[in-house]
Amino acid sequence: KTVEALGLNKLHKTVEMPDNDAVRGMI
């Protein structure tokens, strides 16, 4: 669910997310 919430649904897919504490925690 965390990977899905980051917007990643396929292998080797790349997304750009803002560098904030919430995203860092998910990573």
mmCIF file of all heavy atoms, coordinates in Angstrom:
data_MODEL
# 
_entry.id   MODEL 
# 
loop_
_atom_site.group_PDB 
_atom_site.id 
_atom_site.type_symbol 
_atom_site.label_atom_id 
_atom_site.label_alt_id 
_atom_site.label_comp_id 
_atom_site.label_asym_id 
_atom_site.label_entity_id 
_atom_site.label_seq_id 
_atom_site.pdbx_PDB_ins_code 
_atom_site.Cartn_x 
_atom_site.Cartn_y 
_atom_site.Cartn_z 
_atom_site.occupancy 
_atom_site.B_iso_or_equiv 
_atom_site.pdbx_formal_charge 
_atom_site.auth_seq_id 
_atom_site.auth_comp_id 
_atom_site.auth_asym_id 
_atom_site.auth_atom_id 
_atom_site.pdbx_PDB_model_num 
ATOM 1   N N   . LYS A 1 1  ? 0.830  -1.212 0.000   1.00 0.00 ? 1  LYS A N   1 
ATOM 2   C CA  . LYS A 1 1  ? 0.000  0.000  0.000   1.00 0.00 ? 1  LYS A CA  1 
ATOM 3   C C   . LYS A 1 1  ? 0.861  1.257  0.000   1.00 0.00 ? 1  LYS A C   1 
ATOM 4   O O   . LYS A 1 1  ? 0.517  2.252  -0.627  1.00 0.00 ? 1  LYS A O   1 
ATOM 5   C CB  . LYS A 1 1  ? -0.935 0.009  1.222   1.00 0.00 ? 1  LYS A CB  1 
ATOM 6   C CG  . LYS A 1 1  ? -1.995 -1.043 1.192   1.00 0.00 ? 1  LYS A CG  1 
ATOM 7   C CD  . LYS A 1 1  ? -3.086 -0.676 0.213   1.00 0.00 ? 1  LYS A CD  1 
ATOM 8   C CE  . LYS A 1 1  ? -4.255 -1.631 0.362   1.00 0.00 ? 1  LYS A CE  1 
ATOM 9   N NZ  . LYS A 1 1  ? -5.304 -1.357 -0.603  1.00 0.00 ? 1  LYS A NZ  1 
ATOM 10  N N   . THR A 1 2  ? 1.983  1.218  0.700   1.00 0.00 ? 2  THR A N   1 
ATOM 11  C CA  . THR A 1 2  ? 2.884  2.372  0.750   1.00 0.00 ? 2  THR A CA  1 
ATOM 12  C C   . THR A 1 2  ? 3.474  2.645  -0.623  1.00 0.00 ? 2  THR A C   1 
ATOM 13  O O   . THR A 1 2  ? 3.527  3.787  -1.071  1.00 0.00 ? 2  THR A O   1 
ATOM 14  C CB  . THR A 1 2  ? 4.006  2.133  1.781   1.00 0.00 ? 2  THR A CB  1 
ATOM 15  O OG1 . THR A 1 2  ? 3.412  1.876  3.044   1.00 0.00 ? 2  THR A OG1 1 
ATOM 16  C CG2 . THR A 1 2  ? 4.904  3.338  1.893   1.00 0.00 ? 2  THR A CG2 1 
ATOM 17  N N   . VAL A 1 3  ? 3.906  1.584  -1.318  1.00 0.00 ? 3  VAL A N   1 
ATOM 18  C CA  . VAL A 1 3  ? 4.464  1.730  -2.663  1.00 0.00 ? 3  VAL A CA  1 
ATOM 19  C C   . VAL A 1 3  ? 3.398  2.297  -3.603  1.00 0.00 ? 3  VAL A C   1 
ATOM 20  O O   . VAL A 1 3  ? 3.670  3.190  -4.399  1.00 0.00 ? 3  VAL A O   1 
ATOM 21  C CB  . VAL A 1 3  ? 4.999  0.367  -3.189  1.00 0.00 ? 3  VAL A CB  1 
ATOM 22  C CG1 . VAL A 1 3  ? 5.296  0.430  -4.670  1.00 0.00 ? 3  VAL A CG1 1 
ATOM 23  C CG2 . VAL A 1 3  ? 6.245  -0.027 -2.419  1.00 0.00 ? 3  VAL A CG2 1 
ATOM 24  N N   . GLU A 1 4  ? 2.170  1.794  -3.477  1.00 0.00 ? 4  GLU A N   1 
ATOM 25  C CA  . GLU A 1 4  ? 1.055  2.277  -4.297  1.00 0.00 ? 4  GLU A CA  1 
ATOM 26  C C   . GLU A 1 4  ? 0.772  3.754  -4.009  1.00 0.00 ? 4  GLU A C   1 
ATOM 27  O O   . GLU A 1 4  ? 0.515  4.534  -4.923  1.00 0.00 ? 4  GLU A O   1 
ATOM 28  C CB  . GLU A 1 4  ? -0.172 1.427  -3.984  1.00 0.00 ? 4  GLU A CB  1 
ATOM 29  C CG  . GLU A 1 4  ? -1.312 1.590  -4.950  1.00 0.00 ? 4  GLU A CG  1 
ATOM 30  C CD  . GLU A 1 4  ? -2.482 0.684  -4.593  1.00 0.00 ? 4  GLU A CD  1 
ATOM 31  O OE1 . GLU A 1 4  ? -2.266 -0.539 -4.494  1.00 0.00 ? 4  GLU A OE1 1 
ATOM 32  O OE2 . GLU A 1 4  ? -3.593 1.220  -4.404  1.00 0.00 ? 4  GLU A OE2 1 
ATOM 33  N N   . ALA A 1 5  ? 0.848  4.145  -2.736  1.00 0.00 ? 5  ALA A N   1 
ATOM 34  C CA  . ALA A 1 5  ? 0.606  5.535  -2.342  1.00 0.00 ? 5  ALA A CA  1 
ATOM 35  C C   . ALA A 1 5  ? 1.681  6.475  -2.885  1.00 0.00 ? 5  ALA A C   1 
ATOM 36  O O   . ALA A 1 5  ? 1.424  7.658  -3.122  1.00 0.00 ? 5  ALA A O   1 
ATOM 37  C CB  . ALA A 1 5  ? 0.533  5.640  -0.820  1.00 0.00 ? 5  ALA A CB  1 
ATOM 38  N N   . LEU A 1 6  ? 2.874  5.946  -3.111  1.00 0.00 ? 6  LEU A N   1 
ATOM 39  C CA  . LEU A 1 6  ? 3.946  6.745  -3.714  1.00 0.00 ? 6  LEU A CA  1 
ATOM 40  C C   . LEU A 1 6  ? 3.732  6.913  -5.223  1.00 0.00 ? 6  LEU A C   1 
ATOM 41  O O   . LEU A 1 6  ? 4.453  7.645  -5.877  1.00 0.00 ? 6  LEU A O   1 
ATOM 42  C CB  . LEU A 1 6  ? 5.309  6.085  -3.462  1.00 0.00 ? 6  LEU A CB  1 
ATOM 43  C CG  . LEU A 1 6  ? 5.896  6.252  -2.065  1.00 0.00 ? 6  LEU A CG  1 
ATOM 44  C CD1 . LEU A 1 6  ? 7.073  5.314  -1.864  1.00 0.00 ? 6  LEU A CD1 1 
ATOM 45  C CD2 . LEU A 1 6  ? 6.306  7.689  -1.806  1.00 0.00 ? 6  LEU A CD2 1 
ATOM 46  N N   . GLY A 1 7  ? 2.746  6.206  -5.773  1.00 0.00 ? 7  GLY A N   1 
ATOM 47  C CA  . GLY A 1 7  ? 2.453  6.328  -7.199  1.00 0.00 ? 7  GLY A CA  1 
ATOM 48  C C   . GLY A 1 7  ? 3.198  5.328  -8.051  1.00 0.00 ? 7  GLY A C   1 
ATOM 49  O O   . GLY A 1 7  ? 3.287  5.480  -9.265  1.00 0.00 ? 7  GLY A O   1 
ATOM 50  N N   . LEU A 1 8  ? 3.742  4.307  -7.420  1.00 0.00 ? 8  LEU A N   1 
ATOM 51  C CA  . LEU A 1 8  ? 4.506  3.294  -8.152  1.00 0.00 ? 8  LEU A CA  1 
ATOM 52  C C   . LEU A 1 8  ? 3.647  2.045  -8.313  1.00 0.00 ? 8  LEU A C   1 
ATOM 53  O O   . LEU A 1 8  ? 3.249  1.435  -7.333  1.00 0.00 ? 8  LEU A O   1 
ATOM 54  C CB  . LEU A 1 8  ? 5.783  2.945  -7.393  1.00 0.00 ? 8  LEU A CB  1 
ATOM 55  C CG  . LEU A 1 8  ? 6.740  4.111  -7.172  1.00 0.00 ? 8  LEU A CG  1 
ATOM 56  C CD1 . LEU A 1 8  ? 7.796  3.736  -6.161  1.00 0.00 ? 8  LEU A CD1 1 
ATOM 57  C CD2 . LEU A 1 8  ? 7.377  4.541  -8.464  1.00 0.00 ? 8  LEU A CD2 1 
ATOM 58  N N   . ASN A 1 9  ? 3.343  1.681  -9.564  1.00 0.00 ? 9  ASN A N   1 
ATOM 59  C CA  . ASN A 1 9  ? 2.512  0.509  -9.776  1.00 0.00 ? 9  ASN A CA  1 
ATOM 60  C C   . ASN A 1 9  ? 3.162  -0.537 -10.674 1.00 0.00 ? 9  ASN A C   1 
ATOM 61  O O   . ASN A 1 9  ? 2.687  -1.647 -10.754 1.00 0.00 ? 9  ASN A O   1 
ATOM 62  C CB  . ASN A 1 9  ? 1.144  0.908  -10.339 1.00 0.00 ? 9  ASN A CB  1 
ATOM 63  C CG  . ASN A 1 9  ? 1.266  1.804  -11.549 1.00 0.00 ? 9  ASN A CG  1 
ATOM 64  O OD1 . ASN A 1 9  ? 2.351  1.985  -12.080 1.00 0.00 ? 9  ASN A OD1 1 
ATOM 65  N ND2 . ASN A 1 9  ? 0.162  2.370  -11.987 1.00 0.00 ? 9  ASN A ND2 1 
ATOM 66  N N   . LYS A 1 10 ? 4.262  -0.195 -11.325 1.00 0.00 ? 10 LYS A N   1 
ATOM 67  C CA  . LYS A 1 10 ? 4.972  -1.144 -12.176 1.00 0.00 ? 10 LYS A CA  1 
ATOM 68  C C   . LYS A 1 10 ? 6.459  -1.097 -11.839 1.00 0.00 ? 10 LYS A C   1 
ATOM 69  O O   . LYS A 1 10 ? 6.976  -0.071 -11.405 1.00 0.00 ? 10 LYS A O   1 
ATOM 70  C CB  . LYS A 1 10 ? 4.800  -0.795 -13.655 1.00 0.00 ? 10 LYS A CB  1 
ATOM 71  C CG  . LYS A 1 10 ? 3.423  -1.073 -14.202 1.00 0.00 ? 10 LYS A CG  1 
ATOM 72  C CD  . LYS A 1 10 ? 3.423  -0.828 -15.691 1.00 0.00 ? 10 LYS A CD  1 
ATOM 73  C CE  . LYS A 1 10 ? 2.091  -1.229 -16.287 1.00 0.00 ? 10 LYS A CE  1 
ATOM 74  N NZ  . LYS A 1 10 ? 2.071  -1.035 -17.734 1.00 0.00 ? 10 LYS A NZ  1 
ATOM 75  N N   . LEU A 1 11 ? 7.123  -2.211 -12.093 1.00 0.00 ? 11 LEU A N   1 
ATOM 76  C CA  . LEU A 1 11 ? 8.552  -2.297 -11.874 1.00 0.00 ? 11 LEU A CA  1 
ATOM 77  C C   . LEU A 1 11 ? 9.281  -1.294 -12.769 1.00 0.00 ? 11 LEU A C   1 
ATOM 78  O O   . LEU A 1 11 ? 8.899  -1.117 -13.926 1.00 0.00 ? 11 LEU A O   1 
ATOM 79  C CB  . LEU A 1 11 ? 9.025  -3.719 -12.191 1.00 0.00 ? 11 LEU A CB  1 
ATOM 80  C CG  . LEU A 1 11 ? 10.110 -4.325 -11.327 1.00 0.00 ? 11 LEU A CG  1 
ATOM 81  C CD1 . LEU A 1 11 ? 9.793  -4.178 -9.854  1.00 0.00 ? 11 LEU A CD1 1 
ATOM 82  C CD2 . LEU A 1 11 ? 10.302 -5.772 -11.675 1.00 0.00 ? 11 LEU A CD2 1 
ATOM 83  N N   . HIS A 1 12 ? 10.289 -0.648 -12.247 1.00 0.00 ? 12 HIS A N   1 
ATOM 84  C CA  . HIS A 1 12 ? 11.125 0.332  -12.948 1.00 0.00 ? 12 HIS A CA  1 
ATOM 85  C C   . HIS A 1 12 ? 10.375 1.611  -13.317 1.00 0.00 ? 12 HIS A C   1 
ATOM 86  O O   . HIS A 1 12 ? 10.868 2.404  -14.111 1.00 0.00 ? 12 HIS A O   1 
ATOM 87  C CB  . HIS A 1 12 ? 11.788 -0.280 -14.194 1.00 0.00 ? 12 HIS A CB  1 
ATOM 88  C CG  . HIS A 1 12 ? 12.587 -1.507 -13.869 1.00 0.00 ? 12 HIS A CG  1 
ATOM 89  N ND1 . HIS A 1 12 ? 13.710 -1.467 -13.078 1.00 0.00 ? 12 HIS A ND1 1 
ATOM 90  C CD2 . HIS A 1 12 ? 12.386 -2.798 -14.193 1.00 0.00 ? 12 HIS A CD2 1 
ATOM 91  C CE1 . HIS A 1 12 ? 14.182 -2.698 -12.945 1.00 0.00 ? 12 HIS A CE1 1 
ATOM 92  N NE2 . HIS A 1 12 ? 13.396 -3.533 -13.605 1.00 0.00 ? 12 HIS A NE2 1 
ATOM 93  N N   . LYS A 1 13 ? 9.198  1.833  -12.750 1.00 0.00 ? 13 LYS A N   1 
ATOM 94  C CA  . LYS A 1 13 ? 8.489  3.092  -12.958 1.00 0.00 ? 13 LYS A CA  1 
ATOM 95  C C   . LYS A 1 13 ? 9.122  4.123  -12.018 1.00 0.00 ? 13 LYS A C   1 
ATOM 96  O O   . LYS A 1 13 ? 9.487  3.804  -10.888 1.00 0.00 ? 13 LYS A O   1 
ATOM 97  C CB  . LYS A 1 13 ? 7.001  2.933  -12.635 1.00 0.00 ? 13 LYS A CB  1 
ATOM 98  C CG  . LYS A 1 13 ? 6.207  4.211  -12.813 1.00 0.00 ? 13 LYS A CG  1 
ATOM 99  C CD  . LYS A 1 13 ? 4.722  3.945  -12.689 1.00 0.00 ? 13 LYS A CD  1 
ATOM 100 C CE  . LYS A 1 13 ? 3.954  5.219  -12.463 1.00 0.00 ? 13 LYS A CE  1 
ATOM 101 N NZ  . LYS A 1 13 ? 3.653  5.980  -13.622 1.00 0.00 ? 13 LYS A NZ  1 
ATOM 102 N N   . THR A 1 14 ? 9.252  5.345  -12.509 1.00 0.00 ? 14 THR A N   1 
ATOM 103 C CA  . THR A 1 14 ? 9.867  6.417  -11.731 1.00 0.00 ? 14 THR A CA  1 
ATOM 104 C C   . THR A 1 14 ? 8.867  7.554  -11.548 1.00 0.00 ? 14 THR A C   1 
ATOM 105 O O   . THR A 1 14 ? 8.165  7.919  -12.486 1.00 0.00 ? 14 THR A O   1 
ATOM 106 C CB  . THR A 1 14 ? 11.126 6.943  -12.454 1.00 0.00 ? 14 THR A CB  1 
ATOM 107 O OG1 . THR A 1 14 ? 12.029 5.854  -12.640 1.00 0.00 ? 14 THR A OG1 1 
ATOM 108 C CG2 . THR A 1 14 ? 11.813 8.019  -11.638 1.00 0.00 ? 14 THR A CG2 1 
ATOM 109 N N   . VAL A 1 15 ? 8.806  8.083  -10.346 1.00 0.00 ? 15 VAL A N   1 
ATOM 110 C CA  . VAL A 1 15 ? 7.958  9.236  -10.053 1.00 0.00 ? 15 VAL A CA  1 
ATOM 111 C C   . VAL A 1 15 ? 8.801  10.298 -9.353  1.00 0.00 ? 15 VAL A C   1 
ATOM 112 O O   . VAL A 1 15 ? 9.799  9.982  -8.706  1.00 0.00 ? 15 VAL A O   1 
ATOM 113 C CB  . VAL A 1 15 ? 6.742  8.880  -9.159  1.00 0.00 ? 15 VAL A CB  1 
ATOM 114 C CG1 . VAL A 1 15 ? 5.781  7.965  -9.884  1.00 0.00 ? 15 VAL A CG1 1 
ATOM 115 C CG2 . VAL A 1 15 ? 7.168  8.266  -7.853  1.00 0.00 ? 15 VAL A CG2 1 
ATOM 116 N N   . GLU A 1 16 ? 8.396  11.554 -9.493  1.00 0.00 ? 16 GLU A N   1 
ATOM 117 C CA  . GLU A 1 16 ? 9.044  12.646 -8.766  1.00 0.00 ? 16 GLU A CA  1 
ATOM 118 C C   . GLU A 1 16 ? 8.097  13.120 -7.684  1.00 0.00 ? 16 GLU A C   1 
ATOM 119 O O   . GLU A 1 16 ? 6.941  13.433 -7.959  1.00 0.00 ? 16 GLU A O   1 
ATOM 120 C CB  . GLU A 1 16 ? 9.377  13.799 -9.724  1.00 0.00 ? 16 GLU A CB  1 
ATOM 121 C CG  . GLU A 1 16 ? 10.627 13.551 -10.518 1.00 0.00 ? 16 GLU A CG  1 
ATOM 122 C CD  . GLU A 1 16 ? 11.168 14.808 -11.186 1.00 0.00 ? 16 GLU A CD  1 
ATOM 123 O OE1 . GLU A 1 16 ? 10.697 15.912 -10.863 1.00 0.00 ? 16 GLU A OE1 1 
ATOM 124 O OE2 . GLU A 1 16 ? 12.058 14.662 -12.027 1.00 0.00 ? 16 GLU A OE2 1 
ATOM 125 N N   . MET A 1 17 ? 8.581  13.136 -6.463  1.00 0.00 ? 17 MET A N   1 
ATOM 126 C CA  . MET A 1 17 ? 7.780  13.555 -5.318  1.00 0.00 ? 17 MET A CA  1 
ATOM 127 C C   . MET A 1 17 ? 8.508  14.692 -4.607  1.00 0.00 ? 17 MET A C   1 
ATOM 128 O O   . MET A 1 17 ? 9.732  14.784 -4.686  1.00 0.00 ? 17 MET A O   1 
ATOM 129 C CB  . MET A 1 17 ? 7.591  12.392 -4.343  1.00 0.00 ? 17 MET A CB  1 
ATOM 130 C CG  . MET A 1 17 ? 6.900  11.177 -4.913  1.00 0.00 ? 17 MET A CG  1 
ATOM 131 S SD  . MET A 1 17 ? 5.149  11.407 -5.164  1.00 0.00 ? 17 MET A SD  1 
ATOM 132 C CE  . MET A 1 17 ? 4.542  11.165 -3.513  1.00 0.00 ? 17 MET A CE  1 
ATOM 133 N N   . PRO A 1 18 ? 7.757  15.550 -3.913  1.00 0.00 ? 18 PRO A N   1 
ATOM 134 C CA  . PRO A 1 18 ? 8.415  16.618 -3.155  1.00 0.00 ? 18 PRO A CA  1 
ATOM 135 C C   . PRO A 1 18 ? 9.240  16.023 -2.016  1.00 0.00 ? 18 PRO A C   1 
ATOM 136 O O   . PRO A 1 18 ? 8.888  14.974 -1.476  1.00 0.00 ? 18 PRO A O   1 
ATOM 137 C CB  . PRO A 1 18 ? 7.243  17.443 -2.609  1.00 0.00 ? 18 PRO A CB  1 
ATOM 138 C CG  . PRO A 1 18 ? 6.067  16.540 -2.676  1.00 0.00 ? 18 PRO A CG  1 
ATOM 139 C CD  . PRO A 1 18 ? 6.306  15.596 -3.804  1.00 0.00 ? 18 PRO A CD  1 
ATOM 140 N N   . ASP A 1 19 ? 10.335 16.686 -1.694  1.00 0.00 ? 19 ASP A N   1 
ATOM 141 C CA  . ASP A 1 19 ? 11.212 16.223 -0.624  1.00 0.00 ? 19 ASP A CA  1 
ATOM 142 C C   . ASP A 1 19 ? 10.700 16.774 0.701   1.00 0.00 ? 19 ASP A C   1 
ATOM 143 O O   . ASP A 1 19 ? 11.056 17.871 1.116   1.00 0.00 ? 19 ASP A O   1 
ATOM 144 C CB  . ASP A 1 19 ? 12.649 16.696 -0.890  1.00 0.00 ? 19 ASP A CB  1 
ATOM 145 C CG  . ASP A 1 19 ? 13.637 16.138 0.110   1.00 0.00 ? 19 ASP A CG  1 
ATOM 146 O OD1 . ASP A 1 19 ? 13.223 15.368 0.993   1.00 0.00 ? 19 ASP A OD1 1 
ATOM 147 O OD2 . ASP A 1 19 ? 14.827 16.460 -0.002  1.00 0.00 ? 19 ASP A OD2 1 
ATOM 148 N N   . ASN A 1 20 ? 9.808  16.028 1.360   1.00 0.00 ? 20 ASN A N   1 
ATOM 149 C CA  . ASN A 1 20 ? 9.306  16.444 2.666   1.00 0.00 ? 20 ASN A CA  1 
ATOM 150 C C   . ASN A 1 20 ? 9.319  15.252 3.624   1.00 0.00 ? 20 ASN A C   1 
ATOM 151 O O   . ASN A 1 20 ? 9.618  14.125 3.233   1.00 0.00 ? 20 ASN A O   1 
ATOM 152 C CB  . ASN A 1 20 ? 7.910  17.064 2.554   1.00 0.00 ? 20 ASN A CB  1 
ATOM 153 C CG  . ASN A 1 20 ? 6.896  16.124 1.944   1.00 0.00 ? 20 ASN A CG  1 
ATOM 154 O OD1 . ASN A 1 20 ? 6.954  14.912 2.153   1.00 0.00 ? 20 ASN A OD1 1 
ATOM 155 N ND2 . ASN A 1 20 ? 5.967  16.658 1.175   1.00 0.00 ? 20 ASN A ND2 1 
ATOM 156 N N   . ASP A 1 21 ? 8.992  15.503 4.875   1.00 0.00 ? 21 ASP A N   1 
ATOM 157 C CA  . ASP A 1 21 ? 9.079  14.460 5.899   1.00 0.00 ? 21 ASP A CA  1 
ATOM 158 C C   . ASP A 1 21 ? 8.133  13.297 5.637   1.00 0.00 ? 21 ASP A C   1 
ATOM 159 O O   . ASP A 1 21 ? 8.471  12.148 5.892   1.00 0.00 ? 21 ASP A O   1 
ATOM 160 C CB  . ASP A 1 21 ? 8.798  15.051 7.283   1.00 0.00 ? 21 ASP A CB  1 
ATOM 161 C CG  . ASP A 1 21 ? 9.907  15.973 7.746   1.00 0.00 ? 21 ASP A CG  1 
ATOM 162 O OD1 . ASP A 1 21 ? 11.022 15.870 7.195   1.00 0.00 ? 21 ASP A OD1 1 
ATOM 163 O OD2 . ASP A 1 21 ? 9.670  16.795 8.642   1.00 0.00 ? 21 ASP A OD2 1 
ATOM 164 N N   . ALA A 1 22 ? 6.938  13.579 5.118   1.00 0.00 ? 22 ALA A N   1 
ATOM 165 C CA  . ALA A 1 22 ? 5.955  12.524 4.859   1.00 0.00 ? 22 ALA A CA  1 
ATOM 166 C C   . ALA A 1 22 ? 6.478  11.555 3.802   1.00 0.00 ? 22 ALA A C   1 
ATOM 167 O O   . ALA A 1 22 ? 6.426  10.330 3.987   1.00 0.00 ? 22 ALA A O   1 
ATOM 168 C CB  . ALA A 1 22 ? 4.632  13.131 4.422   1.00 0.00 ? 22 ALA A CB  1 
ATOM 169 N N   . VAL A 1 23 ? 6.991  12.088 2.713   1.00 0.00 ? 23 VAL A N   1 
ATOM 170 C CA  . VAL A 1 23 ? 7.514  11.250 1.632   1.00 0.00 ? 23 VAL A CA  1 
ATOM 171 C C   . VAL A 1 23 ? 8.759  10.508 2.102   1.00 0.00 ? 23 VAL A C   1 
ATOM 172 O O   . VAL A 1 23 ? 8.928  9.318  1.824   1.00 0.00 ? 23 VAL A O   1 
ATOM 173 C CB  . VAL A 1 23 ? 7.801  12.095 0.370   1.00 0.00 ? 23 VAL A CB  1 
ATOM 174 C CG1 . VAL A 1 23 ? 8.488  11.266 -0.693  1.00 0.00 ? 23 VAL A CG1 1 
ATOM 175 C CG2 . VAL A 1 23 ? 6.511  12.688 -0.175  1.00 0.00 ? 23 VAL A CG2 1 
ATOM 176 N N   . ARG A 1 24 ? 9.619  11.187 2.848   1.00 0.00 ? 24 ARG A N   1 
ATOM 177 C CA  . ARG A 1 24 ? 10.830 10.538 3.373   1.00 0.00 ? 24 ARG A CA  1 
ATOM 178 C C   . ARG A 1 24 ? 10.465 9.357  4.283   1.00 0.00 ? 24 ARG A C   1 
ATOM 179 O O   . ARG A 1 24 ? 11.115 8.316  4.252   1.00 0.00 ? 24 ARG A O   1 
ATOM 180 C CB  . ARG A 1 24 ? 11.676 11.532 4.170   1.00 0.00 ? 24 ARG A CB  1 
ATOM 181 C CG  . ARG A 1 24 ? 12.353 12.571 3.318   1.00 0.00 ? 24 ARG A CG  1 
ATOM 182 C CD  . ARG A 1 24 ? 13.726 12.130 2.950   1.00 0.00 ? 24 ARG A CD  1 
ATOM 183 N NE  . ARG A 1 24 ? 14.402 13.155 2.147   1.00 0.00 ? 24 ARG A NE  1 
ATOM 184 C CZ  . ARG A 1 24 ? 15.620 13.009 1.705   1.00 0.00 ? 24 ARG A CZ  1 
ATOM 185 N NH1 . ARG A 1 24 ? 16.305 11.914 1.963   1.00 0.00 ? 24 ARG A NH1 1 
ATOM 186 N NH2 . ARG A 1 24 ? 16.171 13.942 0.981   1.00 0.00 ? 24 ARG A NH2 1 
ATOM 187 N N   . GLY A 1 25 ? 9.422  9.513  5.083   1.00 0.00 ? 25 GLY A N   1 
ATOM 188 C CA  . GLY A 1 25 ? 8.973  8.439  5.961   1.00 0.00 ? 25 GLY A CA  1 
ATOM 189 C C   . GLY A 1 25 ? 8.457  7.246  5.181   1.00 0.00 ? 25 GLY A C   1 
ATOM 190 O O   . GLY A 1 25 ? 8.727  6.096  5.525   1.00 0.00 ? 25 GLY A O   1 
ATOM 191 N N   . MET A 1 26 ? 7.708  7.521  4.106   1.00 0.00 ? 26 MET A N   1 
ATOM 192 C CA  . MET A 1 26 ? 7.188  6.445  3.257   1.00 0.00 ? 26 MET A CA  1 
ATOM 193 C C   . MET A 1 26 ? 8.335  5.693  2.591   1.00 0.00 ? 26 MET A C   1 
ATOM 194 O O   . MET A 1 26 ? 8.332  4.455  2.530   1.00 0.00 ? 26 MET A O   1 
ATOM 195 C CB  . MET A 1 26 ? 6.237  7.017  2.205   1.00 0.00 ? 26 MET A CB  1 
ATOM 196 C CG  . MET A 1 26 ? 4.953  7.545  2.772   1.00 0.00 ? 26 MET A CG  1 
ATOM 197 S SD  . MET A 1 26 ? 4.030  8.520  1.599   1.00 0.00 ? 26 MET A SD  1 
ATOM 198 C CE  . MET A 1 26 ? 3.278  7.252  0.610   1.00 0.00 ? 26 MET A CE  1 
ATOM 199 N N   . ILE A 1 27 ? 9.331  6.438  2.123   1.00 0.00 ? 27 ILE A N   1 
ATOM 200 C CA  . ILE A 1 27 ? 10.498 5.828  1.479   1.00 0.00 ? 27 ILE A CA  1 
ATOM 201 C C   . ILE A 1 27 ? 11.243 4.954  2.484   1.00 0.00 ? 27 ILE A C   1 
ATOM 202 O O   . ILE A 1 27 ? 11.689 3.857  2.160   1.00 0.00 ? 27 ILE A O   1 
ATOM 203 C CB  . ILE A 1 27 ? 11.427 6.909  0.895   1.00 0.00 ? 27 ILE A CB  1 
ATOM 204 C CG1 . ILE A 1 27 ? 10.760 7.587  -0.298  1.00 0.00 ? 27 ILE A CG1 1 
ATOM 205 C CG2 . ILE A 1 27 ? 12.769 6.312  0.489   1.00 0.00 ? 27 ILE A CG2 1 
ATOM 206 C CD1 . ILE A 1 27 ? 11.460 8.835  -0.759  1.00 0.00 ? 27 ILE A CD1 1 
# 
